[in-house]
């Protein structure tokens, strides 16, 4: 039983490291999504100021697509954040229960 608890504790620690790595990934993903939106804003601004009709249309559409990519990316990142928060809470509770069990087992 103690060996199983130690295995669970090892797995929980591995998952907590995974959560930390995923949080760093989500922050990087958010940054990329923000850059997509900013890039879309710049392209749309250039498209609006363009005197050529074809360039105006192309840059405006291209800017709009990049804005949409940024918006969807931010929504996905926010969804990941809520899942990671729940997973972090769950892991904290599991580690707390395991440490309480180990204290009662050996004392």
PDB file of N, CA and C in Angstrom:
ATOM      1  N   UNK A   1       0.824  -1.196   0.000  1.00  0.00           N
ATOM      2  CA  UNK A   1       0.000   0.000   0.000  1.00  0.00           C
ATOM      3  C   UNK A   1       0.864   1.255   0.000  1.00  0.00           C
ATOM      4  N   UNK A   2       1.926   1.218   0.786  1.00  0.00           N
ATOM      5  CA  UNK A   2       2.809   2.376   0.857  1.00  0.00           C
ATOM      6  C   UNK A   2       3.496   2.588  -0.499  1.00  0.00           C
ATOM      7  N   UNK A   3       3.855   1.486  -1.160  1.00  0.00           N
ATOM      8  CA  UNK A   3       4.485   1.590  -2.474  1.00  0.00           C
ATOM      9  C   UNK A   3       3.534   2.227  -3.487  1.00  0.00           C
ATOM     10  N   UNK A   4       2.249   1.839  -3.424  1.00  0.00           N
ATOM     11  CA  UNK A   4       1.256   2.434  -4.323  1.00  0.00           C
ATOM     12  C   UNK A   4       1.104   3.931  -4.054  1.00  0.00           C
ATOM     13  N   UNK A   5       1.098   4.300  -2.784  1.00  0.00           N
ATOM     14  CA  UNK A   5       0.981   5.714  -2.437  1.00  0.00           C
ATOM     15  C   UNK A   5       2.199   6.475  -2.959  1.00  0.00           C
ATOM     16  N   UNK A   6       3.376   5.910  -2.830  1.00  0.00           N
ATOM     17  CA  UNK A   6       4.580   6.565  -3.342  1.00  0.00           C
ATOM     18  C   UNK A   6       4.527   6.692  -4.860  1.00  0.00           C
ATOM     19  N   UNK A   7       4.001   5.667  -5.534  1.00  0.00           N
ATOM     20  CA  UNK A   7       3.829   5.739  -6.989  1.00  0.00           C
ATOM     21  C   UNK A   7       2.855   6.853  -7.362  1.00  0.00           C
ATOM     22  N   UNK A   8       1.743   6.932  -6.619  1.00  0.00           N
ATOM     23  CA  UNK A   8       0.781   8.002  -6.874  1.00  0.00           C
ATOM     24  C   UNK A   8       1.407   9.371  -6.642  1.00  0.00           C
ATOM     25  N   UNK A   9       2.203   9.487  -5.593  1.00  0.00           N
ATOM     26  CA  UNK A   9       2.856  10.753  -5.296  1.00  0.00           C
ATOM     27  C   UNK A   9       3.828  11.126  -6.417  1.00  0.00           C
ATOM     28  N   UNK A  10       4.551  10.134  -6.921  1.00  0.00           N
ATOM     29  CA  UNK A  10       5.462  10.374  -8.043  1.00  0.00           C
ATOM     30  C   UNK A  10       4.694  10.832  -9.281  1.00  0.00           C
ATOM     31  N   UNK A  11       3.575  10.186  -9.550  1.00  0.00           N
ATOM     32  CA  UNK A  11       2.749  10.580 -10.699  1.00  0.00           C
ATOM     33  C   UNK A  11       2.182  11.986 -10.510  1.00  0.00           C
ATOM     34  N   UNK A  12       1.764  12.296  -9.308  1.00  0.00           N
ATOM     35  CA  UNK A  12       1.209  13.627  -9.028  1.00  0.00           C
ATOM     36  C   UNK A  12       2.273  14.702  -9.218  1.00  0.00           C
ATOM     37  N   UNK A  13       3.498  14.424  -8.793  1.00  0.00           N
ATOM     38  CA  UNK A  13       4.580  15.386  -8.980  1.00  0.00           C
ATOM     39  C   UNK A  13       4.885  15.560 -10.467  1.00  0.00           C
ATOM     40  N   UNK A  14       4.841  14.461 -11.226  1.00  0.00           N
ATOM     41  CA  UNK A  14       5.057  14.540 -12.666  1.00  0.00           C
ATOM     42  C   UNK A  14       3.972  15.403 -13.322  1.00  0.00           C
ATOM     43  N   UNK A  15       2.722  15.222 -12.891  1.00  0.00           N
ATOM     44  CA  UNK A  15       1.635  16.016 -13.447  1.00  0.00           C
ATOM     45  C   UNK A  15       1.757  17.484 -13.052  1.00  0.00           C
ATOM     46  N   UNK A  16       2.260  17.762 -11.853  1.00  0.00           N
ATOM     47  CA  UNK A  16       2.422  19.158 -11.460  1.00  0.00           C
ATOM     48  C   UNK A  16       3.503  19.829 -12.306  1.00  0.00           C
ATOM     49  N   UNK A  17       4.561  19.094 -12.649  1.00  0.00           N
ATOM     50  CA  UNK A  17       5.580  19.637 -13.564  1.00  0.00           C
ATOM     51  C   UNK A  17       4.963  19.863 -14.941  1.00  0.00           C
ATOM     52  N   UNK A  18       4.129  18.932 -15.376  1.00  0.00           N
ATOM     53  CA  UNK A  18       3.447  19.073 -16.656  1.00  0.00           C
ATOM     54  C   UNK A  18       2.544  20.307 -16.674  1.00  0.00           C
ATOM     55  N   UNK A  19       1.847  20.559 -15.572  1.00  0.00           N
ATOM     56  CA  UNK A  19       0.990  21.741 -15.481  1.00  0.00           C
ATOM     57  C   UNK A  19       1.833  23.009 -15.594  1.00  0.00           C
ATOM     58  N   UNK A  20       2.981  23.033 -14.950  1.00  0.00           N
ATOM     59  CA  UNK A  20       3.859  24.210 -15.051  1.00  0.00           C
ATOM     60  C   UNK A  20       4.321  24.429 -16.485  1.00  0.00           C
ATOM     61  N   UNK A  21       4.692  23.361 -17.162  1.00  0.00           N
ATOM     62  CA  UNK A  21       5.118  23.468 -18.565  1.00  0.00           C
ATOM     63  C   UNK A  21       3.967  23.942 -19.447  1.00  0.00           C
ATOM     64  N   UNK A  22       2.770  23.422 -19.199  1.00  0.00           N
ATOM     65  CA  UNK A  22       1.606  23.836 -19.984  1.00  0.00           C
ATOM     66  C   UNK A  22       1.249  25.296 -19.736  1.00  0.00           C
ATOM     67  N   UNK A  23       1.435  25.763 -18.505  1.00  0.00           N
ATOM     68  CA  UNK A  23       1.180  27.174 -18.219  1.00  0.00           C
ATOM     69  C   UNK A  23       2.142  28.056 -19.003  1.00  0.00           C
ATOM     70  N   UNK A  24       3.413  27.652 -19.086  1.00  0.00           N
ATOM     71  CA  UNK A  24       4.379  28.418 -19.874  1.00  0.00           C
ATOM     72  C   UNK A  24       3.994  28.399 -21.354  1.00  0.00           C
ATOM     73  N   UNK A  25       3.524  27.237 -21.835  1.00  0.00           N
ATOM     74  CA  UNK A  25       3.086  27.132 -23.218  1.00  0.00           C
ATOM     75  C   UNK A  25       1.900  28.047 -23.491  1.00  0.00           C
ATOM     76  N   UNK A  26       0.946  28.087 -22.576  1.00  0.00           N
ATOM     77  CA  UNK A  26      -0.241  28.922 -22.769  1.00  0.00           C
ATOM     78  C   UNK A  26       0.153  30.404 -22.795  1.00  0.00           C
ATOM     79  N   UNK A  27       1.096  30.801 -21.958  1.00  0.00           N
ATOM     80  CA  UNK A  27       1.562  32.194 -21.989  1.00  0.00           C
ATOM     81  C   UNK A  27       2.209  32.522 -23.330  1.00  0.00           C
ATOM     82  N   UNK A  28       3.018  31.605 -23.847  1.00  0.00           N
ATOM     83  CA  UNK A  28       3.639  31.816 -25.156  1.00  0.00           C
ATOM     84  C   UNK A  28       2.582  31.853 -26.254  1.00  0.00           C
ATOM     85  N   UNK A  29       1.576  30.983 -26.156  1.00  0.00           N
ATOM     86  CA  UNK A  29       0.491  30.946 -27.137  1.00  0.00           C
ATOM     87  C   UNK A  29      -0.304  32.247 -27.111  1.00  0.00           C
ATOM     88  N   UNK A  30      -0.535  32.770 -25.905  1.00  0.00           N
ATOM     89  CA  UNK A  30      -1.222  34.060 -25.780  1.00  0.00           C
ATOM     90  C   UNK A  30      -0.427  35.170 -26.449  1.00  0.00           C
ATOM     91  N   UNK A  31       0.885  35.152 -26.245  1.00  0.00           N
ATOM     92  CA  UNK A  31       1.734  36.172 -26.871  1.00  0.00           C
ATOM     93  C   UNK A  31       1.663  36.087 -28.387  1.00  0.00           C
ATOM     94  N   UNK A  32       1.708  34.873 -28.922  1.00  0.00           N
ATOM     95  CA  UNK A  32       1.610  34.689 -30.376  1.00  0.00           C
ATOM     96  C   UNK A  32       0.254  35.151 -30.893  1.00  0.00           C
ATOM     97  N   UNK A  33      -0.799  34.864 -30.159  1.00  0.00           N
ATOM     98  CA  UNK A  33      -2.135  35.298 -30.569  1.00  0.00           C
ATOM     99  C   UNK A  33      -2.245  36.816 -30.563  1.00  0.00           C
ATOM    100  N   UNK A  34      -1.655  37.440 -29.563  1.00  0.00           N
ATOM    101  CA  UNK A  34      -1.663  38.901 -29.508  1.00  0.00           C
ATOM    102  C   UNK A  34      -0.883  39.477 -30.694  1.00  0.00           C
ATOM    103  N   UNK A  35       0.259  38.852 -31.018  1.00  0.00           N
ATOM    104  CA  UNK A  35       1.035  39.328 -32.161  1.00  0.00           C
ATOM    105  C   UNK A  35       0.262  39.178 -33.468  1.00  0.00           C
ATOM    106  N   UNK A  36      -0.511  38.111 -33.609  1.00  0.00           N
ATOM    107  CA  UNK A  36      -1.344  37.934 -34.804  1.00  0.00           C
ATOM    108  C   UNK A  36      -2.337  39.085 -34.922  1.00  0.00           C
ATOM    109  N   UNK A  37      -2.958  39.446 -33.810  1.00  0.00           N
ATOM    110  CA  UNK A  37      -3.930  40.536 -33.819  1.00  0.00           C
ATOM    111  C   UNK A  37      -3.265  41.863 -34.186  1.00  0.00           C
ATOM    112  N   UNK A  38      -2.115  42.139 -33.584  1.00  0.00           N
ATOM    113  CA  UNK A  38      -1.394  43.381 -33.880  1.00  0.00           C
ATOM    114  C   UNK A  38      -0.972  43.416 -35.344  1.00  0.00           C
ATOM    115  N   UNK A  39      -0.488  42.284 -35.851  1.00  0.00           N
ATOM    116  CA  UNK A  39      -0.096  42.191 -37.257  1.00  0.00           C
ATOM    117  C   UNK A  39      -1.299  42.455 -38.159  1.00  0.00           C
ATOM    118  N   UNK A  40      -2.443  41.892 -37.800  1.00  0.00           N
ATOM    119  CA  UNK A  40      -3.670  42.139 -38.563  1.00  0.00           C
ATOM    120  C   UNK A  40      -4.066  43.595 -38.537  1.00  0.00           C
ATOM    121  N   UNK A  41      -3.913  44.257 -37.387  1.00  0.00           N
ATOM    122  CA  UNK A  41      -4.229  45.686 -37.287  1.00  0.00           C
ATOM    123  C   UNK A  41      -3.336  46.514 -38.216  1.00  0.00           C
ATOM    124  N   UNK A  42      -2.051  46.172 -38.227  1.00  0.00           N
ATOM    125  CA  UNK A  42      -1.105  46.903 -39.080  1.00  0.00           C
ATOM    126  C   UNK A  42      -1.436  46.689 -40.549  1.00  0.00           C
ATOM    127  N   UNK A  43      -1.706  45.433 -40.933  1.00  0.00           N
ATOM    128  CA  UNK A  43      -2.038  45.155 -42.330  1.00  0.00           C
ATOM    129  C   UNK A  43      -3.314  45.868 -42.761  1.00  0.00           C
ATOM    130  N   UNK A  44      -4.308  45.856 -41.893  1.00  0.00           N
ATOM    131  CA  UNK A  44      -5.563  46.532 -42.222  1.00  0.00           C
ATOM    132  C   UNK A  44      -5.345  48.038 -42.356  1.00  0.00           C
ATOM    133  N   UNK A  45      -4.516  48.600 -41.502  1.00  0.00           N
ATOM    134  CA  UNK A  45      -4.232  50.033 -41.591  1.00  0.00           C
ATOM    135  C   UNK A  45      -3.505  50.370 -42.893  1.00  0.00           C
ATOM    136  N   UNK A  46      -2.553  49.525 -43.264  1.00  0.00           N
ATOM    137  CA  UNK A  46      -1.853  49.742 -44.533  1.00  0.00           C
ATOM    138  C   UNK A  46      -2.834  49.600 -45.693  1.00  0.00           C
ATOM    139  N   UNK A  47      -3.728  48.605 -45.609  1.00  0.00           N
ATOM    140  CA  UNK A  47      -4.700  48.392 -46.671  1.00  0.00           C
ATOM    141  C   UNK A  47      -5.649  49.567 -46.833  1.00  0.00           C
ATOM    142  N   UNK A  48      -6.054  50.161 -45.728  1.00  0.00           N
ATOM    143  CA  UNK A  48      -6.969  51.305 -45.793  1.00  0.00           C
ATOM    144  C   UNK A  48      -6.289  52.495 -46.467  1.00  0.00           C
ATOM    145  N   UNK A  49      -5.011  52.671 -46.221  1.00  0.00           N
ATOM    146  CA  UNK A  49      -4.290  53.818 -46.770  1.00  0.00           C
ATOM    147  C   UNK A  49      -3.783  53.590 -48.188  1.00  0.00           C
ATOM    148  N   UNK A  50      -3.898  52.345 -48.685  1.00  0.00           N
ATOM    149  CA  UNK A  50      -3.388  52.034 -50.021  1.00  0.00           C
ATOM    150  C   UNK A  50      -4.261  52.665 -51.098  1.00  0.00           C
ATOM    151  N   UNK A  51      -3.599  53.222 -52.113  1.00  0.00           N
ATOM    152  CA  UNK A  51      -4.343  53.861 -53.202  1.00  0.00           C
ATOM    153  C   UNK A  51      -4.749  52.862 -54.286  1.00  0.00           C
ATOM    154  N   UNK A  52      -4.079  51.719 -54.348  1.00  0.00           N
ATOM    155  CA  UNK A  52      -4.428  50.702 -55.348  1.00  0.00           C
ATOM    156  C   UNK A  52      -5.574  49.851 -54.810  1.00  0.00           C
ATOM    157  N   UNK A  53      -6.576  49.649 -55.624  1.00  0.00           N
ATOM    158  CA  UNK A  53      -7.780  48.943 -55.192  1.00  0.00           C
ATOM    159  C   UNK A  53      -7.489  47.490 -54.836  1.00  0.00           C
ATOM    160  N   UNK A  54      -6.696  46.795 -55.663  1.00  0.00           N
ATOM    161  CA  UNK A  54      -6.376  45.389 -55.394  1.00  0.00           C
ATOM    162  C   UNK A  54      -5.568  45.235 -54.110  1.00  0.00           C
ATOM    163  N   UNK A  55      -4.592  46.112 -53.915  1.00  0.00           N
ATOM    164  CA  UNK A  55      -3.783  46.072 -52.685  1.00  0.00           C
ATOM    165  C   UNK A  55      -4.662  46.386 -51.480  1.00  0.00           C
ATOM    166  N   UNK A  56      -5.561  47.344 -51.640  1.00  0.00           N
ATOM    167  CA  UNK A  56      -6.482  47.703 -50.561  1.00  0.00           C
ATOM    168  C   UNK A  56      -7.311  46.495 -50.130  1.00  0.00           C
ATOM    169  N   UNK A  57      -7.902  45.814 -51.106  1.00  0.00           N
ATOM    170  CA  UNK A  57      -8.734  44.642 -50.795  1.00  0.00           C
ATOM    171  C   UNK A  57      -7.911  43.520 -50.166  1.00  0.00           C
ATOM    172  N   UNK A  58      -6.766  43.218 -50.773  1.00  0.00           N
ATOM    173  CA  UNK A  58      -5.942  42.101 -50.291  1.00  0.00           C
ATOM    174  C   UNK A  58      -5.453  42.355 -48.864  1.00  0.00           C
ATOM    175  N   UNK A  59      -4.928  43.532 -48.611  1.00  0.00           N
ATOM    176  CA  UNK A  59      -4.392  43.820 -47.275  1.00  0.00           C
ATOM    177  C   UNK A  59      -5.488  43.902 -46.229  1.00  0.00           C
ATOM    178  N   UNK A  60      -6.635  44.429 -46.604  1.00  0.00           N
ATOM    179  CA  UNK A  60      -7.750  44.501 -45.656  1.00  0.00           C
ATOM    180  C   UNK A  60      -8.244  43.110 -45.284  1.00  0.00           C
ATOM    181  N   UNK A  61      -8.388  42.231 -46.288  1.00  0.00           N
ATOM    182  CA  UNK A  61      -8.827  40.861 -46.016  1.00  0.00           C
ATOM    183  C   UNK A  61      -7.764  40.113 -45.215  1.00  0.00           C
ATOM    184  N   UNK A  62      -6.504  40.258 -45.619  1.00  0.00           N
ATOM    185  CA  UNK A  62      -5.409  39.590 -44.914  1.00  0.00           C
ATOM    186  C   UNK A  62      -5.345  40.060 -43.457  1.00  0.00           C
ATOM    187  N   UNK A  63      -5.525  41.358 -43.229  1.00  0.00           N
ATOM    188  CA  UNK A  63      -5.533  41.896 -41.875  1.00  0.00           C
ATOM    189  C   UNK A  63      -6.696  41.366 -41.067  1.00  0.00           C
ATOM    190  N   UNK A  64      -7.856  41.269 -41.702  1.00  0.00           N
ATOM    191  CA  UNK A  64      -9.037  40.748 -41.013  1.00  0.00           C
ATOM    192  C   UNK A  64      -8.841  39.290 -40.601  1.00  0.00           C
ATOM    193  N   UNK A  65      -8.237  38.508 -41.486  1.00  0.00           N
ATOM    194  CA  UNK A  65      -7.978  37.096 -41.163  1.00  0.00           C
ATOM    195  C   UNK A  65      -7.018  36.988 -39.989  1.00  0.00           C
ATOM    196  N   UNK A  66      -5.977  37.802 -39.966  1.00  0.00           N
ATOM    197  CA  UNK A  66      -5.023  37.754 -38.848  1.00  0.00           C
ATOM    198  C   UNK A  66      -5.666  38.212 -37.548  1.00  0.00           C
ATOM    199  N   UNK A  67      -6.555  39.183 -37.615  1.00  0.00           N
ATOM    200  CA  UNK A  67      -7.284  39.588 -36.410  1.00  0.00           C
ATOM    201  C   UNK A  67      -8.132  38.430 -35.887  1.00  0.00           C
ATOM    202  N   UNK A  68      -8.799  37.724 -36.821  1.00  0.00           N
ATOM    203  CA  UNK A  68      -9.615  36.572 -36.416  1.00  0.00           C
ATOM    204  C   UNK A  68      -8.767  35.467 -35.803  1.00  0.00           C
ATOM    205  N   UNK A  69      -7.594  35.224 -36.397  1.00  0.00           N
ATOM    206  CA  UNK A  69      -6.682  34.208 -35.844  1.00  0.00           C
ATOM    207  C   UNK A  69      -6.288  34.588 -34.418  1.00  0.00           C
ATOM    208  N   UNK A  70      -5.977  35.859 -34.200  1.00  0.00           N
ATOM    209  CA  UNK A  70      -5.622  36.317 -32.858  1.00  0.00           C
ATOM    210  C   UNK A  70      -6.773  36.173 -31.881  1.00  0.00           C
ATOM    211  N   UNK A  71      -7.982  36.493 -32.326  1.00  0.00           N
ATOM    212  CA  UNK A  71      -9.162  36.406 -31.462  1.00  0.00           C
ATOM    213  C   UNK A  71      -9.439  34.958 -31.061  1.00  0.00           C
ATOM    214  N   UNK A  72      -9.388  34.059 -32.045  1.00  0.00           N
ATOM    215  CA  UNK A  72      -9.631  32.632 -31.761  1.00  0.00           C
ATOM    216  C   UNK A  72      -8.535  32.080 -30.849  1.00  0.00           C
ATOM    217  N   UNK A  73      -7.298  32.492 -31.093  1.00  0.00           N
ATOM    218  CA  UNK A  73      -6.192  32.045 -30.248  1.00  0.00           C
ATOM    219  C   UNK A  73      -6.343  32.490 -28.809  1.00  0.00           C
ATOM    220  N   UNK A  74      -6.803  33.714 -28.605  1.00  0.00           N
ATOM    221  CA  UNK A  74      -7.010  34.200 -27.235  1.00  0.00           C
ATOM    222  C   UNK A  74      -8.136  33.450 -26.546  1.00  0.00           C
ATOM    223  N   UNK A  75      -9.196  33.135 -27.298  1.00  0.00           N
ATOM    224  CA  UNK A  75     -10.287  32.348 -26.709  1.00  0.00           C
ATOM    225  C   UNK A  75      -9.789  30.959 -26.303  1.00  0.00           C
ATOM    226  N   UNK A  76      -8.983  30.342 -27.173  1.00  0.00           N
ATOM    227  CA  UNK A  76      -8.439  29.018 -26.850  1.00  0.00           C
ATOM    228  C   UNK A  76      -7.508  29.094 -25.639  1.00  0.00           C
ATOM    229  N   UNK A  77      -6.669  30.109 -25.583  1.00  0.00           N
ATOM    230  CA  UNK A  77      -5.760  30.265 -24.446  1.00  0.00           C
ATOM    231  C   UNK A  77      -6.540  30.457 -23.150  1.00  0.00           C
ATOM    232  N   UNK A  78      -7.620  31.222 -23.187  1.00  0.00           N
ATOM    233  CA  UNK A  78      -8.438  31.419 -21.985  1.00  0.00           C
ATOM    234  C   UNK A  78      -9.093  30.111 -21.552  1.00  0.00           C
ATOM    235  N   UNK A  79      -9.505  29.292 -22.514  1.00  0.00           N
ATOM    236  CA  UNK A  79     -10.081  27.989 -22.173  1.00  0.00           C
ATOM    237  C   UNK A  79      -9.014  27.093 -21.541  1.00  0.00           C
ATOM    238  N   UNK A  80      -7.797  27.129 -22.078  1.00  0.00           N
ATOM    239  CA  UNK A  80      -6.708  26.335 -21.504  1.00  0.00           C
ATOM    240  C   UNK A  80      -6.398  26.781 -20.083  1.00  0.00           C
ATOM    241  N   UNK A  81      -6.437  28.085 -19.846  1.00  0.00           N
ATOM    242  CA  UNK A  81      -6.129  28.609 -18.510  1.00  0.00           C
ATOM    243  C   UNK A  81      -7.127  28.076 -17.489  1.00  0.00           C
ATOM    244  N   UNK A  82      -8.404  28.055 -17.834  1.00  0.00           N
ATOM    245  CA  UNK A  82      -9.391  27.556 -16.871  1.00  0.00           C
ATOM    246  C   UNK A  82      -9.206  26.063 -16.625  1.00  0.00           C
ATOM    247  N   UNK A  83      -8.879  25.300 -17.658  1.00  0.00           N
ATOM    248  CA  UNK A  83      -8.636  23.862 -17.473  1.00  0.00           C
ATOM    249  C   UNK A  83      -7.398  23.643 -16.606  1.00  0.00           C
ATOM    250  N   UNK A  84      -6.333  24.396 -16.877  1.00  0.00           N
ATOM    251  CA  UNK A  84      -5.112  24.248 -16.082  1.00  0.00           C
ATOM    252  C   UNK A  84      -5.324  24.665 -14.634  1.00  0.00           C
ATOM    253  N   UNK A  85      -6.145  25.687 -14.419  1.00  0.00           N
ATOM    254  CA  UNK A  85      -6.438  26.110 -13.046  1.00  0.00           C
ATOM    255  C   UNK A  85      -7.154  24.986 -12.294  1.00  0.00           C
ATOM    256  N   UNK A  86      -8.137  24.355 -12.950  1.00  0.00           N
ATOM    257  CA  UNK A  86      -8.857  23.249 -12.323  1.00  0.00           C
ATOM    258  C   UNK A  86      -7.927  22.071 -12.064  1.00  0.00           C
ATOM    259  N   UNK A  87      -7.061  21.780 -13.026  1.00  0.00           N
ATOM    260  CA  UNK A  87      -6.119  20.679 -12.857  1.00  0.00           C
ATOM    261  C   UNK A  87      -5.139  20.968 -11.726  1.00  0.00           C
ATOM    262  N   UNK A  88      -4.690  22.218 -11.621  1.00  0.00           N
ATOM    263  CA  UNK A  88      -3.800  22.586 -10.525  1.00  0.00           C
ATOM    264  C   UNK A  88      -4.471  22.442  -9.174  1.00  0.00           C
ATOM    265  N   UNK A  89      -5.737  22.821  -9.086  1.00  0.00           N
ATOM    266  CA  UNK A  89      -6.494  22.663  -7.842  1.00  0.00           C
ATOM    267  C   UNK A  89      -6.627  21.193  -7.483  1.00  0.00           C
ATOM    268  N   UNK A  90      -6.960  20.380  -8.478  1.00  0.00           N
ATOM    269  CA  UNK A  90      -7.101  18.943  -8.251  1.00  0.00           C
ATOM    270  C   UNK A  90      -5.786  18.335  -7.778  1.00  0.00           C
ATOM    271  N   UNK A  91      -4.673  18.692  -8.429  1.00  0.00           N
ATOM    272  CA  UNK A  91      -3.378  18.143  -8.025  1.00  0.00           C
ATOM    273  C   UNK A  91      -2.999  18.596  -6.623  1.00  0.00           C
ATOM    274  N   UNK A  92      -3.302  19.833  -6.297  1.00  0.00           N
ATOM    275  CA  UNK A  92      -3.016  20.315  -4.945  1.00  0.00           C
ATOM    276  C   UNK A  92      -3.763  19.518  -3.890  1.00  0.00           C
ATOM    277  N   UNK A  93      -5.027  19.211  -4.183  1.00  0.00           N
ATOM    278  CA  UNK A  93      -5.815  18.420  -3.238  1.00  0.00           C
ATOM    279  C   UNK A  93      -5.282  17.000  -3.130  1.00  0.00           C
ATOM    280  N   UNK A  94      -4.915  16.407  -4.266  1.00  0.00           N
ATOM    281  CA  UNK A  94      -4.384  15.037  -4.253  1.00  0.00           C
ATOM    282  C   UNK A  94      -3.085  14.990  -3.458  1.00  0.00           C
ATOM    283  N   UNK A  95      -2.196  15.941  -3.712  1.00  0.00           N
ATOM    284  CA  UNK A  95      -0.929  15.952  -2.968  1.00  0.00           C
ATOM    285  C   UNK A  95      -1.166  16.184  -1.478  1.00  0.00           C
ATOM    286  N   UNK A  96      -2.136  17.010  -1.138  1.00  0.00           N
ATOM    287  CA  UNK A  96      -2.466  17.223   0.270  1.00  0.00           C
ATOM    288  C   UNK A  96      -2.982  15.962   0.927  1.00  0.00           C
ATOM    289  N   UNK A  97      -3.850  15.234   0.236  1.00  0.00           N
ATOM    290  CA  UNK A  97      -4.391  13.981   0.774  1.00  0.00           C
ATOM    291  C   UNK A  97      -3.281  12.956   0.927  1.00  0.00           C
ATOM    292  N   UNK A  98      -2.401  12.886  -0.083  1.00  0.00           N
ATOM    293  CA  UNK A  98      -1.303  11.911  -0.009  1.00  0.00           C
ATOM    294  C   UNK A  98      -0.349  12.245   1.134  1.00  0.00           C
ATOM    295  N   UNK A  99      -0.045  13.521   1.308  1.00  0.00           N
ATOM    296  CA  UNK A  99       0.871  13.860   2.399  1.00  0.00           C
ATOM    297  C   UNK A  99       0.222  13.600   3.761  1.00  0.00           C
ATOM    298  N   UNK A 100      -1.082  13.865   3.888  1.00  0.00           N
ATOM    299  CA  UNK A 100      -1.782  13.551   5.134  1.00  0.00           C
ATOM    300  C   UNK A 100      -1.766  12.055   5.399  1.00  0.00           C
ATOM    301  N   UNK A 101      -1.990  11.270   4.345  1.00  0.00           N
ATOM    302  CA  UNK A 101      -1.984   9.818   4.491  1.00  0.00           C
ATOM    303  C   UNK A 101      -0.615   9.326   4.933  1.00  0.00           C
ATOM    304  N   UNK A 102       0.454   9.871   4.321  1.00  0.00           N
ATOM    305  CA  UNK A 102       1.803   9.443   4.681  1.00  0.00           C
ATOM    306  C   UNK A 102       2.121   9.831   6.123  1.00  0.00           C
ATOM    307  N   UNK A 103       1.649  10.988   6.574  1.00  0.00           N
ATOM    308  CA  UNK A 103       1.893  11.402   7.967  1.00  0.00           C
ATOM    309  C   UNK A 103       1.193  10.448   8.933  1.00  0.00           C
ATOM    310  N   UNK A 104      -0.042  10.076   8.650  1.00  0.00           N
ATOM    311  CA  UNK A 104      -0.782   9.164   9.527  1.00  0.00           C
ATOM    312  C   UNK A 104      -0.215   7.755   9.463  1.00  0.00           C
ATOM    313  N   UNK A 105       0.286   7.360   8.305  1.00  0.00           N
ATOM    314  CA  UNK A 105       0.809   5.998   8.117  1.00  0.00           C
ATOM    315  C   UNK A 105       2.078   5.772   8.922  1.00  0.00           C
ATOM    316  N   UNK A 106       2.964   6.782   8.969  1.00  0.00           N
ATOM    317  CA  UNK A 106       4.268   6.566   9.581  1.00  0.00           C
ATOM    318  C   UNK A 106       4.382   7.159  10.982  1.00  0.00           C
ATOM    319  N   UNK A 107       3.335   7.766  11.488  1.00  0.00           N
ATOM    320  CA  UNK A 107       3.444   8.344  12.846  1.00  0.00           C
ATOM    321  C   UNK A 107       2.488   7.703  13.789  1.00  0.00           C
TER     322      UNK A 107
END
